[in-house]
N, C-alpha and C. Protein backbone atom coordinates (compact mmCIF):
# COMPACT_ATOMS: atom_id res chain seq x y z
N UNK A 1 194.07 229.79 -11.00
CA UNK A 1 193.91 228.76 -10.14
C UNK A 1 193.92 227.05 -10.33
N UNK A 2 194.64 227.11 -12.12
CA UNK A 2 195.41 226.46 -12.35
C UNK A 2 196.69 226.07 -12.06
N UNK A 3 197.53 227.24 -11.99
CA UNK A 3 198.29 226.99 -11.36
C UNK A 3 198.96 226.25 -10.61
N UNK A 4 197.61 226.80 -9.18
CA UNK A 4 197.26 226.56 -7.48
C UNK A 4 197.33 224.43 -8.04
N UNK A 5 196.25 224.17 -8.54
CA UNK A 5 196.39 223.41 -8.70
C UNK A 5 197.26 221.99 -9.16
N UNK A 6 197.83 223.02 -9.80
CA UNK A 6 198.52 221.80 -10.57
C UNK A 6 199.97 222.32 -9.91
N UNK A 7 200.10 222.69 -8.89
CA UNK A 7 200.98 222.95 -7.90
C UNK A 7 200.67 221.16 -6.51
N UNK A 8 199.21 221.88 -6.58
CA UNK A 8 198.91 221.13 -5.46
C UNK A 8 199.10 218.96 -6.39
N UNK A 9 198.82 218.78 -7.47
CA UNK A 9 199.50 217.25 -7.50
C UNK A 9 200.64 217.23 -7.61
N UNK A 10 200.88 217.97 -8.09
CA UNK A 10 203.07 217.85 -8.31
C UNK A 10 203.26 217.12 -6.70
N UNK A 11 202.83 217.41 -5.52
CA UNK A 11 203.35 217.93 -4.64
C UNK A 11 202.61 216.93 -3.75
N UNK A 12 201.51 215.59 -4.54
CA UNK A 12 200.62 214.75 -3.66
C UNK A 12 199.16 215.00 -2.88
N UNK A 13 198.61 216.42 -2.41
CA UNK A 13 197.96 216.55 -2.25
C UNK A 13 196.32 216.33 -2.88
N UNK A 14 196.44 216.01 -4.03
CA UNK A 14 195.78 216.42 -4.53
C UNK A 14 196.08 214.99 -5.80
N UNK A 15 195.43 214.50 -5.89
CA UNK A 15 195.23 212.51 -6.89
C UNK A 15 194.52 213.36 -8.68
N UNK A 16 194.95 212.76 -9.36
CA UNK A 16 194.54 213.11 -10.34
C UNK A 16 192.39 213.25 -10.64
N UNK A 17 191.92 212.05 -9.75
CA UNK A 17 190.70 212.24 -9.84
C UNK A 17 189.98 213.70 -9.70
N UNK A 18 191.01 214.06 -8.28
CA UNK A 18 190.61 215.47 -8.15
C UNK A 18 191.12 216.16 -8.32
N UNK A 19 192.10 216.30 -9.24
CA UNK A 19 191.88 217.89 -10.96
C UNK A 19 191.32 217.15 -11.16
N UNK A 20 190.38 216.19 -12.06
CA UNK A 20 189.23 215.79 -13.18
C UNK A 20 188.26 216.30 -12.72
N UNK A 21 187.68 216.33 -10.89
CA UNK A 21 186.49 216.64 -10.46
C UNK A 21 186.40 218.47 -10.92
N UNK A 22 187.49 219.13 -11.14
CA UNK A 22 187.67 220.48 -10.44
C UNK A 22 187.53 221.35 -11.59
N UNK A 23 187.18 220.42 -13.10
CA UNK A 23 186.65 220.83 -14.48
C UNK A 23 184.90 220.68 -14.31
N UNK A 24 184.50 221.26 -14.49
CA UNK A 24 184.29 222.64 -15.86
C UNK A 24 184.92 223.58 -14.55
N UNK A 25 184.67 223.93 -13.21
CA UNK A 25 184.34 225.23 -12.61
C UNK A 25 185.08 226.13 -12.50
N UNK A 26 186.67 225.07 -12.21
CA UNK A 26 187.56 226.39 -12.44
C UNK A 26 188.76 226.04 -13.02
N UNK A 27 188.53 224.70 -13.80
CA UNK A 27 190.41 225.36 -14.74
C UNK A 27 188.66 224.29 -15.70
N UNK A 28 189.48 224.30 -17.04
CA UNK A 28 189.05 223.37 -17.64
C UNK A 28 189.12 222.04 -18.22
N UNK A 29 188.77 221.77 -19.12
CA UNK A 29 188.73 219.62 -18.94
C UNK A 29 190.27 219.46 -20.22
N UNK A 30 190.28 221.08 -20.59
CA UNK A 30 192.32 220.69 -21.01
C UNK A 30 193.08 221.09 -20.07
N UNK A 31 192.59 221.74 -19.78
CA UNK A 31 194.55 222.14 -17.97
C UNK A 31 193.88 221.09 -17.23
N UNK A 32 192.68 220.40 -16.78
CA UNK A 32 192.62 219.27 -16.03
C UNK A 32 193.99 218.51 -16.50
N UNK A 33 194.13 218.09 -17.73
CA UNK A 33 194.76 216.79 -18.81
C UNK A 33 196.07 216.40 -18.84
N UNK A 34 196.17 218.22 -19.33
CA UNK A 34 197.83 219.06 -18.55
C UNK A 34 198.44 219.23 -17.73
N UNK A 35 197.42 218.07 -16.94
CA UNK A 35 197.81 218.60 -15.43
C UNK A 35 198.36 217.92 -15.59
N UNK A 36 197.70 216.51 -15.10
CA UNK A 36 198.16 214.86 -14.89
C UNK A 36 198.41 214.44 -16.13
N UNK A 37 198.60 215.18 -16.55
CA UNK A 37 199.86 213.93 -18.10
C UNK A 37 199.19 213.06 -19.25
N UNK A 38 197.31 213.38 -18.75
CA UNK A 38 197.12 212.11 -19.69
C UNK A 38 196.36 210.94 -19.13
N UNK A 39 197.15 210.77 -17.63
CA UNK A 39 197.36 209.32 -16.77
C UNK A 39 196.06 208.72 -17.11
N UNK A 40 195.69 208.07 -16.29
CA UNK A 40 194.55 207.35 -17.36
C UNK A 40 193.92 207.42 -15.55
N UNK A 41 192.98 206.47 -15.24
CA UNK A 41 192.31 205.96 -14.00
C UNK A 41 191.82 205.14 -13.83
């Protein structure tokens, strides 16, 4: 699931807030921050 979310973010289909919303159900908070690169809202 991590890879899928990462790809969707890179393609611009989801934004940083949506990536963070997937934690903790699908990915960990650390993985969410890794995907968005520590980008703040």
